[in-house]
């Protein structure tokens, strides 16, 4: 199912809230809600905005980081990645 950038979490939908949030945040990043190399909303802000727990938020952010949409900087936050640049090599 497709989720637009302005969609809300639907507790009665067949997809888990985490999957819905993943789709919503991905489309918000595509739309440019968070500019490349700029800090995005905190886990707490996203949890409040979408009515979800922080572990659910973290799971969606981790998946977006794996897809190359985001990167995390310790003690600074989560940042939107500049998608025009190549992905850095993974540590694995």
PDB file of N, CA and C in Angstrom:
ATOM      1  N   UNK A   1       0.840  -1.180   0.000  1.00  0.00           N
ATOM      2  CA  UNK A   1       0.000   0.000   0.000  1.00  0.00           C
ATOM      3  C   UNK A   1       0.882   1.239   0.000  1.00  0.00           C
ATOM      4  N   UNK A   2       0.472   2.259  -0.688  1.00  0.00           N
ATOM      5  CA  UNK A   2       1.215   3.510  -0.765  1.00  0.00           C
ATOM      6  C   UNK A   2       0.745   4.466   0.332  1.00  0.00           C
ATOM      7  N   UNK A   3       1.709   5.141   0.937  1.00  0.00           N
ATOM      8  CA  UNK A   3       1.385   6.126   1.968  1.00  0.00           C
ATOM      9  C   UNK A   3       1.961   7.461   1.543  1.00  0.00           C
ATOM     10  N   UNK A   4       1.110   8.453   1.484  1.00  0.00           N
ATOM     11  CA  UNK A   4       1.550   9.792   1.106  1.00  0.00           C
ATOM     12  C   UNK A   4       2.256  10.482   2.250  1.00  0.00           C
ATOM     13  N   UNK A   5       2.922  11.576   1.962  1.00  0.00           N
ATOM     14  CA  UNK A   5       3.682  12.281   2.994  1.00  0.00           C
ATOM     15  C   UNK A   5       2.821  12.881   4.103  1.00  0.00           C
ATOM     16  N   UNK A   6       1.548  13.091   3.813  1.00  0.00           N
ATOM     17  CA  UNK A   6       0.657  13.685   4.814  1.00  0.00           C
ATOM     18  C   UNK A   6      -0.291  12.666   5.437  1.00  0.00           C
ATOM     19  N   UNK A   7      -0.045  11.377   5.178  1.00  0.00           N
ATOM     20  CA  UNK A   7      -0.909  10.319   5.715  1.00  0.00           C
ATOM     21  C   UNK A   7      -0.747  10.220   7.234  1.00  0.00           C
ATOM     22  N   UNK A   8      -1.742   9.680   7.854  1.00  0.00           N
ATOM     23  CA  UNK A   8      -1.729   9.412   9.288  1.00  0.00           C
ATOM     24  C   UNK A   8      -1.646   7.899   9.490  1.00  0.00           C
ATOM     25  N   UNK A   9      -1.215   7.484  10.655  1.00  0.00           N
ATOM     26  CA  UNK A   9      -1.156   6.066  10.983  1.00  0.00           C
ATOM     27  C   UNK A   9      -2.580   5.564  11.174  1.00  0.00           C
ATOM     28  N   UNK A  10      -2.918   4.488  10.468  1.00  0.00           N
ATOM     29  CA  UNK A  10      -4.243   3.879  10.548  1.00  0.00           C
ATOM     30  C   UNK A  10      -4.118   2.576  11.324  1.00  0.00           C
ATOM     31  N   UNK A  11      -4.593   2.569  12.547  1.00  0.00           N
ATOM     32  CA  UNK A  11      -4.474   1.391  13.424  1.00  0.00           C
ATOM     33  C   UNK A  11      -5.273   0.199  12.902  1.00  0.00           C
ATOM     34  N   UNK A  12      -6.237   0.434  12.010  1.00  0.00           N
ATOM     35  CA  UNK A  12      -7.054  -0.650  11.470  1.00  0.00           C
ATOM     36  C   UNK A  12      -6.544  -1.157  10.126  1.00  0.00           C
ATOM     37  N   UNK A  13      -5.459  -0.587   9.618  1.00  0.00           N
ATOM     38  CA  UNK A  13      -4.913  -1.001   8.321  1.00  0.00           C
ATOM     39  C   UNK A  13      -4.243  -2.373   8.452  1.00  0.00           C
ATOM     40  N   UNK A  14      -4.154  -3.117   7.349  1.00  0.00           N
ATOM     41  CA  UNK A  14      -3.510  -4.426   7.412  1.00  0.00           C
ATOM     42  C   UNK A  14      -1.995  -4.339   7.644  1.00  0.00           C
ATOM     43  N   UNK A  15      -1.368  -3.197   7.291  1.00  0.00           N
ATOM     44  CA  UNK A  15       0.060  -3.023   7.508  1.00  0.00           C
ATOM     45  C   UNK A  15       0.317  -2.585   8.947  1.00  0.00           C
ATOM     46  N   UNK A  16       1.417  -3.041   9.483  1.00  0.00           N
ATOM     47  CA  UNK A  16       1.817  -2.652  10.840  1.00  0.00           C
ATOM     48  C   UNK A  16       2.126  -1.150  10.871  1.00  0.00           C
ATOM     49  N   UNK A  17       1.941  -0.505  12.027  1.00  0.00           N
ATOM     50  CA  UNK A  17       2.250   0.926  12.127  1.00  0.00           C
ATOM     51  C   UNK A  17       3.677   1.249  11.675  1.00  0.00           C
ATOM     52  N   UNK A  18       4.626   0.366  11.979  1.00  0.00           N
ATOM     53  CA  UNK A  18       6.011   0.581  11.550  1.00  0.00           C
ATOM     54  C   UNK A  18       6.103   0.676  10.028  1.00  0.00           C
ATOM     55  N   UNK A  19       5.413  -0.200   9.314  1.00  0.00           N
ATOM     56  CA  UNK A  19       5.439  -0.186   7.845  1.00  0.00           C
ATOM     57  C   UNK A  19       4.777   1.068   7.296  1.00  0.00           C
ATOM     58  N   UNK A  20       3.701   1.497   7.923  1.00  0.00           N
ATOM     59  CA  UNK A  20       3.042   2.728   7.506  1.00  0.00           C
ATOM     60  C   UNK A  20       3.972   3.922   7.709  1.00  0.00           C
ATOM     61  N   UNK A  21       4.606   3.990   8.883  1.00  0.00           N
ATOM     62  CA  UNK A  21       5.518   5.088   9.174  1.00  0.00           C
ATOM     63  C   UNK A  21       6.687   5.090   8.195  1.00  0.00           C
ATOM     64  N   UNK A  22       7.204   3.940   7.881  1.00  0.00           N
ATOM     65  CA  UNK A  22       8.301   3.831   6.922  1.00  0.00           C
ATOM     66  C   UNK A  22       7.906   4.455   5.580  1.00  0.00           C
ATOM     67  N   UNK A  23       6.715   4.130   5.093  1.00  0.00           N
ATOM     68  CA  UNK A  23       6.229   4.695   3.839  1.00  0.00           C
ATOM     69  C   UNK A  23       6.011   6.194   3.917  1.00  0.00           C
ATOM     70  N   UNK A  24       5.464   6.655   5.023  1.00  0.00           N
ATOM     71  CA  UNK A  24       5.199   8.087   5.198  1.00  0.00           C
ATOM     72  C   UNK A  24       6.512   8.869   5.228  1.00  0.00           C
ATOM     73  N   UNK A  25       7.460   8.413   6.037  1.00  0.00           N
ATOM     74  CA  UNK A  25       8.731   9.133   6.146  1.00  0.00           C
ATOM     75  C   UNK A  25       9.510   9.097   4.840  1.00  0.00           C
ATOM     76  N   UNK A  26       9.459   7.977   4.139  1.00  0.00           N
ATOM     77  CA  UNK A  26      10.148   7.869   2.847  1.00  0.00           C
ATOM     78  C   UNK A  26       9.589   8.906   1.868  1.00  0.00           C
ATOM     79  N   UNK A  27       8.272   9.031   1.804  1.00  0.00           N
ATOM     80  CA  UNK A  27       7.685  10.002   0.875  1.00  0.00           C
ATOM     81  C   UNK A  27       7.945  11.437   1.325  1.00  0.00           C
ATOM     82  N   UNK A  28       8.029  11.658   2.637  1.00  0.00           N
ATOM     83  CA  UNK A  28       8.379  13.000   3.121  1.00  0.00           C
ATOM     84  C   UNK A  28       9.806  13.354   2.732  1.00  0.00           C
ATOM     85  N   UNK A  29      10.703  12.384   2.803  1.00  0.00           N
ATOM     86  CA  UNK A  29      12.084  12.622   2.382  1.00  0.00           C
ATOM     87  C   UNK A  29      12.148  12.877   0.879  1.00  0.00           C
ATOM     88  N   UNK A  30      11.382  12.119   0.107  1.00  0.00           N
ATOM     89  CA  UNK A  30      11.348  12.332  -1.347  1.00  0.00           C
ATOM     90  C   UNK A  30      10.812  13.717  -1.673  1.00  0.00           C
ATOM     91  N   UNK A  31       9.836  14.172  -0.921  1.00  0.00           N
ATOM     92  CA  UNK A  31       9.225  15.476  -1.135  1.00  0.00           C
ATOM     93  C   UNK A  31      10.166  16.617  -0.735  1.00  0.00           C
ATOM     94  N   UNK A  32      11.136  16.311   0.118  1.00  0.00           N
ATOM     95  CA  UNK A  32      12.089  17.331   0.547  1.00  0.00           C
ATOM     96  C   UNK A  32      11.739  18.007   1.850  1.00  0.00           C
ATOM     97  N   UNK A  33      10.933  17.351   2.682  1.00  0.00           N
ATOM     98  CA  UNK A  33      10.592  17.938   3.981  1.00  0.00           C
ATOM     99  C   UNK A  33      11.849  18.193   4.819  1.00  0.00           C
ATOM    100  N   UNK A  34      12.854  17.349   4.668  1.00  0.00           N
ATOM    101  CA  UNK A  34      14.130  17.520   5.354  1.00  0.00           C
ATOM    102  C   UNK A  34      15.200  17.630   4.276  1.00  0.00           C
ATOM    103  N   UNK A  35      15.860  18.742   4.234  1.00  0.00           N
ATOM    104  CA  UNK A  35      16.886  18.993   3.226  1.00  0.00           C
ATOM    105  C   UNK A  35      18.119  18.133   3.500  1.00  0.00           C
ATOM    106  N   UNK A  36      18.878  17.794   2.458  1.00  0.00           N
ATOM    107  CA  UNK A  36      20.079  16.976   2.642  1.00  0.00           C
ATOM    108  C   UNK A  36      21.040  17.609   3.659  1.00  0.00           C
ATOM    109  N   UNK A  37      21.569  16.743   4.505  1.00  0.00           N
ATOM    110  CA  UNK A  37      22.544  17.112   5.535  1.00  0.00           C
ATOM    111  C   UNK A  37      21.986  18.075   6.574  1.00  0.00           C
ATOM    112  N   UNK A  38      20.673  18.049   6.735  1.00  0.00           N
ATOM    113  CA  UNK A  38      20.015  18.836   7.780  1.00  0.00           C
ATOM    114  C   UNK A  38      19.325  17.869   8.739  1.00  0.00           C
ATOM    115  N   UNK A  39      19.361  18.236  10.032  1.00  0.00           N
ATOM    116  CA  UNK A  39      18.759  17.375  11.049  1.00  0.00           C
ATOM    117  C   UNK A  39      17.258  17.311  10.852  1.00  0.00           C
ATOM    118  N   UNK A  40      16.737  16.107  10.965  1.00  0.00           N
ATOM    119  CA  UNK A  40      15.289  15.943  10.859  1.00  0.00           C
ATOM    120  C   UNK A  40      14.674  15.895  12.249  1.00  0.00           C
ATOM    121  N   UNK A  41      13.388  15.736  12.323  1.00  0.00           N
ATOM    122  CA  UNK A  41      12.676  15.686  13.597  1.00  0.00           C
ATOM    123  C   UNK A  41      13.269  14.598  14.485  1.00  0.00           C
ATOM    124  N   UNK A  42      13.280  14.861  15.782  1.00  0.00           N
ATOM    125  CA  UNK A  42      13.826  13.888  16.741  1.00  0.00           C
ATOM    126  C   UNK A  42      12.878  12.701  16.887  1.00  0.00           C
ATOM    127  N   UNK A  43      13.386  11.629  17.494  1.00  0.00           N
ATOM    128  CA  UNK A  43      12.538  10.459  17.770  1.00  0.00           C
ATOM    129  C   UNK A  43      11.336  10.866  18.608  1.00  0.00           C
ATOM    130  N   UNK A  44      11.560  11.702  19.617  1.00  0.00           N
ATOM    131  CA  UNK A  44      10.457  12.141  20.475  1.00  0.00           C
ATOM    132  C   UNK A  44       9.423  12.942  19.689  1.00  0.00           C
ATOM    133  N   UNK A  45       9.886  13.832  18.816  1.00  0.00           N
ATOM    134  CA  UNK A  45       8.963  14.637  18.012  1.00  0.00           C
ATOM    135  C   UNK A  45       8.151  13.757  17.070  1.00  0.00           C
ATOM    136  N   UNK A  46       8.819  12.793  16.431  1.00  0.00           N
ATOM    137  CA  UNK A  46       8.102  11.885  15.529  1.00  0.00           C
ATOM    138  C   UNK A  46       7.125  10.993  16.295  1.00  0.00           C
ATOM    139  N   UNK A  47       7.532  10.542  17.479  1.00  0.00           N
ATOM    140  CA  UNK A  47       6.655   9.709  18.303  1.00  0.00           C
ATOM    141  C   UNK A  47       5.387  10.483  18.673  1.00  0.00           C
ATOM    142  N   UNK A  48       5.557  11.741  19.034  1.00  0.00           N
ATOM    143  CA  UNK A  48       4.399  12.571  19.380  1.00  0.00           C
ATOM    144  C   UNK A  48       3.535  12.850  18.154  1.00  0.00           C
ATOM    145  N   UNK A  49       4.180  13.176  17.036  1.00  0.00           N
ATOM    146  CA  UNK A  49       3.446  13.507  15.812  1.00  0.00           C
ATOM    147  C   UNK A  49       2.599  12.340  15.310  1.00  0.00           C
ATOM    148  N   UNK A  50       3.142  11.129  15.376  1.00  0.00           N
ATOM    149  CA  UNK A  50       2.447   9.967  14.821  1.00  0.00           C
ATOM    150  C   UNK A  50       1.779   9.081  15.868  1.00  0.00           C
ATOM    151  N   UNK A  51       1.937   9.401  17.150  1.00  0.00           N
ATOM    152  CA  UNK A  51       1.305   8.618  18.204  1.00  0.00           C
ATOM    153  C   UNK A  51       1.864   7.209  18.307  1.00  0.00           C
ATOM    154  N   UNK A  52       3.169   7.083  18.090  1.00  0.00           N
ATOM    155  CA  UNK A  52       3.823   5.773  18.133  1.00  0.00           C
ATOM    156  C   UNK A  52       4.916   5.775  19.192  1.00  0.00           C
ATOM    157  N   UNK A  53       5.361   4.590  19.572  1.00  0.00           N
ATOM    158  CA  UNK A  53       6.424   4.477  20.565  1.00  0.00           C
ATOM    159  C   UNK A  53       7.785   4.777  19.932  1.00  0.00           C
ATOM    160  N   UNK A  54       8.734   5.160  20.768  1.00  0.00           N
ATOM    161  CA  UNK A  54      10.076   5.436  20.252  1.00  0.00           C
ATOM    162  C   UNK A  54      10.730   4.201  19.626  1.00  0.00           C
ATOM    163  N   UNK A  55      10.546   2.993  20.181  1.00  0.00           N
ATOM    164  CA  UNK A  55      11.125   1.829  19.494  1.00  0.00           C
ATOM    165  C   UNK A  55      10.580   1.656  18.073  1.00  0.00           C
ATOM    166  N   UNK A  56       9.310   1.960  17.861  1.00  0.00           N
ATOM    167  CA  UNK A  56       8.735   1.878  16.511  1.00  0.00           C
ATOM    168  C   UNK A  56       9.364   2.938  15.612  1.00  0.00           C
ATOM    169  N   UNK A  57       9.553   4.138  16.137  1.00  0.00           N
ATOM    170  CA  UNK A  57      10.195   5.210  15.385  1.00  0.00           C
ATOM    171  C   UNK A  57      11.619   4.799  15.029  1.00  0.00           C
ATOM    172  N   UNK A  58      12.359   4.284  16.027  1.00  0.00           N
ATOM    173  CA  UNK A  58      13.746   3.867  15.794  1.00  0.00           C
ATOM    174  C   UNK A  58      13.837   2.803  14.722  1.00  0.00           C
ATOM    175  N   UNK A  59      12.915   1.867  14.742  1.00  0.00           N
ATOM    176  CA  UNK A  59      12.920   0.782  13.744  1.00  0.00           C
ATOM    177  C   UNK A  59      12.737   1.346  12.330  1.00  0.00           C
ATOM    178  N   UNK A  60      11.820   2.274  12.166  1.00  0.00           N
ATOM    179  CA  UNK A  60      11.590   2.880  10.854  1.00  0.00           C
ATOM    180  C   UNK A  60      12.807   3.704  10.422  1.00  0.00           C
ATOM    181  N   UNK A  61      13.401   4.462  11.344  1.00  0.00           N
ATOM    182  CA  UNK A  61      14.577   5.262  11.012  1.00  0.00           C
ATOM    183  C   UNK A  61      15.758   4.375  10.632  1.00  0.00           C
ATOM    184  N   UNK A  62      15.912   3.251  11.332  1.00  0.00           N
ATOM    185  CA  UNK A  62      17.001   2.324  11.007  1.00  0.00           C
ATOM    186  C   UNK A  62      16.813   1.743   9.606  1.00  0.00           C
ATOM    187  N   UNK A  63      15.575   1.414   9.262  1.00  0.00           N
ATOM    188  CA  UNK A  63      15.301   0.873   7.922  1.00  0.00           C
ATOM    189  C   UNK A  63      15.596   1.924   6.851  1.00  0.00           C
ATOM    190  N   UNK A  64      15.236   3.174   7.113  1.00  0.00           N
ATOM    191  CA  UNK A  64      15.514   4.248   6.155  1.00  0.00           C
ATOM    192  C   UNK A  64      17.022   4.499   6.031  1.00  0.00           C
ATOM    193  N   UNK A  65      17.752   4.348   7.120  1.00  0.00           N
ATOM    194  CA  UNK A  65      19.202   4.487   7.061  1.00  0.00           C
ATOM    195  C   UNK A  65      19.804   3.366   6.210  1.00  0.00           C
ATOM    196  N   UNK A  66      19.296   2.140   6.372  1.00  0.00           N
ATOM    197  CA  UNK A  66      19.769   1.011   5.552  1.00  0.00           C
ATOM    198  C   UNK A  66      19.486   1.236   4.070  1.00  0.00           C
ATOM    199  N   UNK A  67      18.367   1.892   3.771  1.00  0.00           N
ATOM    200  CA  UNK A  67      18.003   2.182   2.379  1.00  0.00           C
ATOM    201  C   UNK A  67      18.791   3.371   1.817  1.00  0.00           C
ATOM    202  N   UNK A  68      19.527   4.058   2.676  1.00  0.00           N
ATOM    203  CA  UNK A  68      20.332   5.183   2.214  1.00  0.00           C
ATOM    204  C   UNK A  68      19.666   6.539   2.285  1.00  0.00           C
ATOM    205  N   UNK A  69      18.540   6.630   2.964  1.00  0.00           N
ATOM    206  CA  UNK A  69      17.827   7.907   3.063  1.00  0.00           C
ATOM    207  C   UNK A  69      18.363   8.782   4.190  1.00  0.00           C
ATOM    208  N   UNK A  70      18.907   8.155   5.246  1.00  0.00           N
ATOM    209  CA  UNK A  70      19.292   8.868   6.457  1.00  0.00           C
ATOM    210  C   UNK A  70      20.659   8.432   6.937  1.00  0.00           C
ATOM    211  N   UNK A  71      21.219   9.240   7.821  1.00  0.00           N
ATOM    212  CA  UNK A  71      22.381   8.809   8.595  1.00  0.00           C
ATOM    213  C   UNK A  71      22.270   9.437   9.979  1.00  0.00           C
ATOM    214  N   UNK A  72      22.876   8.781  10.959  1.00  0.00           N
ATOM    215  CA  UNK A  72      22.815   9.255  12.341  1.00  0.00           C
ATOM    216  C   UNK A  72      24.192   9.750  12.769  1.00  0.00           C
ATOM    217  N   UNK A  73      24.170  10.819  13.540  1.00  0.00           N
ATOM    218  CA  UNK A  73      25.381  11.361  14.135  1.00  0.00           C
ATOM    219  C   UNK A  73      25.178  11.306  15.646  1.00  0.00           C
ATOM    220  N   UNK A  74      26.032  10.550  16.353  1.00  0.00           N
ATOM    221  CA  UNK A  74      25.856  10.436  17.808  1.00  0.00           C
ATOM    222  C   UNK A  74      25.793  11.810  18.479  1.00  0.00           C
ATOM    223  N   UNK A  75      24.837  11.948  19.369  1.00  0.00           N
ATOM    224  CA  UNK A  75      24.596  13.154  20.163  1.00  0.00           C
ATOM    225  C   UNK A  75      24.211  14.374  19.328  1.00  0.00           C
ATOM    226  N   UNK A  76      23.942  14.179  18.039  1.00  0.00           N
ATOM    227  CA  UNK A  76      23.529  15.286  17.169  1.00  0.00           C
ATOM    228  C   UNK A  76      22.157  15.040  16.556  1.00  0.00           C
ATOM    229  N   UNK A  77      21.855  13.780  16.228  1.00  0.00           N
ATOM    230  CA  UNK A  77      20.548  13.477  15.667  1.00  0.00           C
ATOM    231  C   UNK A  77      20.617  12.686  14.380  1.00  0.00           C
ATOM    232  N   UNK A  78      19.488  12.659  13.700  1.00  0.00           N
ATOM    233  CA  UNK A  78      19.342  11.939  12.439  1.00  0.00           C
ATOM    234  C   UNK A  78      19.246  12.971  11.322  1.00  0.00           C
ATOM    235  N   UNK A  79      19.980  12.720  10.249  1.00  0.00           N
ATOM    236  CA  UNK A  79      20.078  13.672   9.145  1.00  0.00           C
ATOM    237  C   UNK A  79      19.647  13.031   7.840  1.00  0.00           C
ATOM    238  N   UNK A  80      19.044  13.829   6.981  1.00  0.00           N
ATOM    239  CA  UNK A  80      18.680  13.363   5.642  1.00  0.00           C
ATOM    240  C   UNK A  80      19.958  13.298   4.812  1.00  0.00           C
ATOM    241  N   UNK A  81      20.145  12.186   4.116  1.00  0.00           N
ATOM    242  CA  UNK A  81      21.334  12.000   3.281  1.00  0.00           C
ATOM    243  C   UNK A  81      21.130  12.685   1.932  1.00  0.00           C
ATOM    244  N   UNK A  82      22.206  13.220   1.396  1.00  0.00           N
ATOM    245  CA  UNK A  82      22.180  13.795   0.054  1.00  0.00           C
ATOM    246  C   UNK A  82      22.184  12.632  -0.930  1.00  0.00           C
ATOM    247  N   UNK A  83      21.048  12.351  -1.532  1.00  0.00           N
ATOM    248  CA  UNK A  83      20.892  11.178  -2.396  1.00  0.00           C
ATOM    249  C   UNK A  83      21.608  11.336  -3.741  1.00  0.00           C
ATOM    250  N   UNK A  84      22.126  12.528  -4.031  1.00  0.00           N
ATOM    251  CA  UNK A  84      22.863  12.685  -5.291  1.00  0.00           C
ATOM    252  C   UNK A  84      24.300  12.183  -5.154  1.00  0.00           C
ATOM    253  N   UNK A  85      24.749  11.955  -3.902  1.00  0.00           N
ATOM    254  CA  UNK A  85      26.096  11.446  -3.661  1.00  0.00           C
ATOM    255  C   UNK A  85      26.048   9.929  -3.499  1.00  0.00           C
ATOM    256  N   UNK A  86      27.131   9.225  -3.850  1.00  0.00           N
ATOM    257  CA  UNK A  86      27.139   7.769  -3.663  1.00  0.00           C
ATOM    258  C   UNK A  86      27.112   7.417  -2.178  1.00  0.00           C
ATOM    259  N   UNK A  87      26.553   6.250  -1.884  1.00  0.00           N
ATOM    260  CA  UNK A  87      26.493   5.760  -0.519  1.00  0.00           C
ATOM    261  C   UNK A  87      27.908   5.431  -0.047  1.00  0.00           C
ATOM    262  N   UNK A  88      28.247   5.747   1.213  1.00  0.00           N
ATOM    263  CA  UNK A  88      29.554   5.332   1.716  1.00  0.00           C
ATOM    264  C   UNK A  88      29.583   3.805   1.856  1.00  0.00           C
ATOM    265  N   UNK A  89      30.772   3.206   1.793  1.00  0.00           N
ATOM    266  CA  UNK A  89      30.823   1.740   1.944  1.00  0.00           C
ATOM    267  C   UNK A  89      30.344   1.353   3.336  1.00  0.00           C
ATOM    268  N   UNK A  90      29.710   0.183   3.435  1.00  0.00           N
ATOM    269  CA  UNK A  90      29.206  -0.251   4.734  1.00  0.00           C
ATOM    270  C   UNK A  90      30.360  -0.809   5.560  1.00  0.00           C
ATOM    271  N   UNK A  91      30.160  -0.812   6.859  1.00  0.00           N
ATOM    272  CA  UNK A  91      31.193  -1.318   7.773  1.00  0.00           C
ATOM    273  C   UNK A  91      31.193  -2.837   7.846  1.00  0.00           C
ATOM    274  N   UNK A  92      30.215  -3.451   7.238  1.00  0.00           N
ATOM    275  CA  UNK A  92      30.089  -4.910   7.336  1.00  0.00           C
ATOM    276  C   UNK A  92      30.957  -5.584   6.300  1.00  0.00           C
TER     277      UNK A  92
END
